[in-house]
């Protein structure tokens, strides 16, 4: 089963980490991804650009609207994701808990829905 691990954190957190601590976090994250890849559990993993580079797109009454975003009441923003393939939710939670960013972030774990295509 595939699960998406959405990594939400306060972007200013990374700015406050000392250079050695940030480098260590990046090394640990790469090592964790390598381990998941070796186990055949990692499908994809990517960091995202800062929230200020985000655009929110909507289509309303046939018109495209694009605005800066995201705007929310929380300090945490979506900063990256991992798409994993594990047997069940319990295994997905264990993977999320092993991510180095879990020490600094909230990891949302969601099963990928299987949508049947109409023929």
Protein backbone atom coordinates (compact mmCIF):
# COMPACT_ATOMS: atom_id res chain seq x y z
CA UNK A 1 0.00 0.00 0.00
CA UNK A 2 1.20 3.47 -0.77
CA UNK A 3 1.21 6.24 1.80
CA UNK A 4 2.08 9.89 1.41
CA UNK A 5 4.05 11.42 4.26
CA UNK A 6 3.54 15.18 4.18
CA UNK A 7 6.16 17.09 6.14
CA UNK A 8 4.84 20.31 7.73
CA UNK A 9 7.21 22.61 9.58
CA UNK A 10 7.85 26.22 10.44
CA UNK A 11 10.15 27.42 7.65
CA UNK A 12 11.94 29.80 10.00
CA UNK A 13 13.10 26.74 11.98
CA UNK A 14 15.66 25.86 9.32
CA UNK A 15 16.88 29.46 9.36
CA UNK A 16 17.53 29.24 13.10
CA UNK A 17 19.55 26.02 12.96
CA UNK A 18 23.30 26.50 13.12
CA UNK A 19 25.07 25.48 9.92
CA UNK A 20 26.53 22.27 11.43
CA UNK A 21 23.11 21.23 12.78
CA UNK A 22 21.44 21.90 9.44
CA UNK A 23 24.14 19.95 7.57
CA UNK A 24 23.73 17.05 10.01
CA UNK A 25 19.96 17.06 9.49
CA UNK A 26 20.44 16.98 5.71
CA UNK A 27 22.92 14.08 5.99
CA UNK A 28 20.58 12.15 8.27
CA UNK A 29 17.67 12.77 5.90
CA UNK A 30 19.64 11.51 2.88
CA UNK A 31 20.77 8.44 4.84
CA UNK A 32 17.19 7.71 5.89
CA UNK A 33 15.98 8.02 2.29
CA UNK A 34 18.81 5.73 1.12
CA UNK A 35 17.80 3.14 3.71
CA UNK A 36 14.13 3.30 2.66
CA UNK A 37 15.16 3.04 -1.00
CA UNK A 38 17.33 -0.03 -0.23
CA UNK A 39 14.36 -1.66 1.53
CA UNK A 40 12.18 -1.00 -1.51
CA UNK A 41 9.87 1.25 0.54
CA UNK A 42 10.66 4.66 -0.98
CA UNK A 43 8.79 5.58 -4.14
CA UNK A 44 9.63 9.31 -4.18
CA UNK A 45 10.91 12.01 -1.85
CA UNK A 46 11.26 15.73 -2.47
CA UNK A 47 11.72 18.93 -0.54
CA UNK A 48 9.62 21.86 -1.70
CA UNK A 49 10.60 25.46 -2.32
CA UNK A 50 9.64 27.99 0.34
CA UNK A 51 5.93 28.78 0.76
CA UNK A 52 6.49 32.31 -0.57
CA UNK A 53 7.15 30.73 -3.99
CA UNK A 54 3.75 29.00 -3.94
CA UNK A 55 0.83 29.81 -6.21
CA UNK A 56 -2.71 28.68 -5.51
CA UNK A 57 -4.70 27.99 -8.69
CA UNK A 58 -8.46 27.78 -8.99
CA UNK A 59 -10.82 27.38 -11.90
CA UNK A 60 -14.14 29.13 -11.29
CA UNK A 61 -16.82 29.62 -13.93
CA UNK A 62 -14.30 28.80 -16.64
CA UNK A 63 -11.80 31.42 -15.45
CA UNK A 64 -8.36 30.63 -14.07
CA UNK A 65 -7.41 32.48 -10.91
CA UNK A 66 -3.87 32.38 -9.52
CA UNK A 67 -2.81 33.96 -6.25
CA UNK A 68 0.12 33.86 -3.89
CA UNK A 69 -0.19 31.29 -1.18
CA UNK A 70 -0.55 29.36 0.90
CA UNK A 71 -2.27 31.52 3.47
CA UNK A 72 -3.28 29.81 6.66
CA UNK A 73 -3.52 30.46 10.35
CA UNK A 74 -0.66 28.10 11.13
CA UNK A 75 3.08 28.77 11.15
CA UNK A 76 3.76 25.34 9.69
CA UNK A 77 3.85 24.96 5.94
CA UNK A 78 4.16 21.93 3.67
CA UNK A 79 7.89 21.62 3.17
CA UNK A 80 8.31 18.23 1.54
CA UNK A 81 6.97 14.76 1.07
CA UNK A 82 7.81 11.10 0.80
CA UNK A 83 5.73 8.59 -1.09
CA UNK A 84 6.29 5.19 0.48
CA UNK A 85 5.12 1.65 -0.24
CA UNK A 86 4.62 -0.36 2.94
CA UNK A 87 2.23 -3.13 4.07
CA UNK A 88 -0.09 -1.04 6.27
CA UNK A 89 -0.71 2.15 8.26
CA UNK A 90 1.29 0.90 11.23
CA UNK A 91 4.36 0.44 9.02
CA UNK A 92 3.81 3.88 7.46
CA UNK A 93 3.69 5.47 10.92
CA UNK A 94 6.93 3.72 11.85
CA UNK A 95 8.61 5.06 8.70
CA UNK A 96 7.35 8.60 9.42
CA UNK A 97 8.62 8.40 13.01
CA UNK A 98 12.12 7.46 11.76
CA UNK A 99 12.39 10.52 9.51
CA UNK A 100 14.92 12.97 10.93
CA UNK A 101 12.54 15.87 10.25
CA UNK A 102 10.03 14.28 12.65
CA UNK A 103 12.09 15.87 15.44
CA UNK A 104 11.25 19.32 14.05
CA UNK A 105 8.07 18.82 12.02
CA UNK A 106 4.63 17.29 11.94
CA UNK A 107 4.39 14.38 9.53
CA UNK A 108 0.93 13.76 8.12
CA UNK A 109 0.53 10.16 6.92
CA UNK A 110 -2.23 9.50 4.39
CA UNK A 111 -2.97 6.40 2.38
CA UNK A 112 -3.06 7.00 -1.35
CA UNK A 113 -6.58 6.38 -2.64
CA UNK A 114 -7.10 3.92 -5.44
CA UNK A 115 -9.44 5.55 -7.95
CA UNK A 116 -10.85 3.27 -10.60
CA UNK A 117 -10.89 4.69 -14.07
CA UNK A 118 -14.06 4.66 -16.09
CA UNK A 119 -13.69 2.84 -19.39
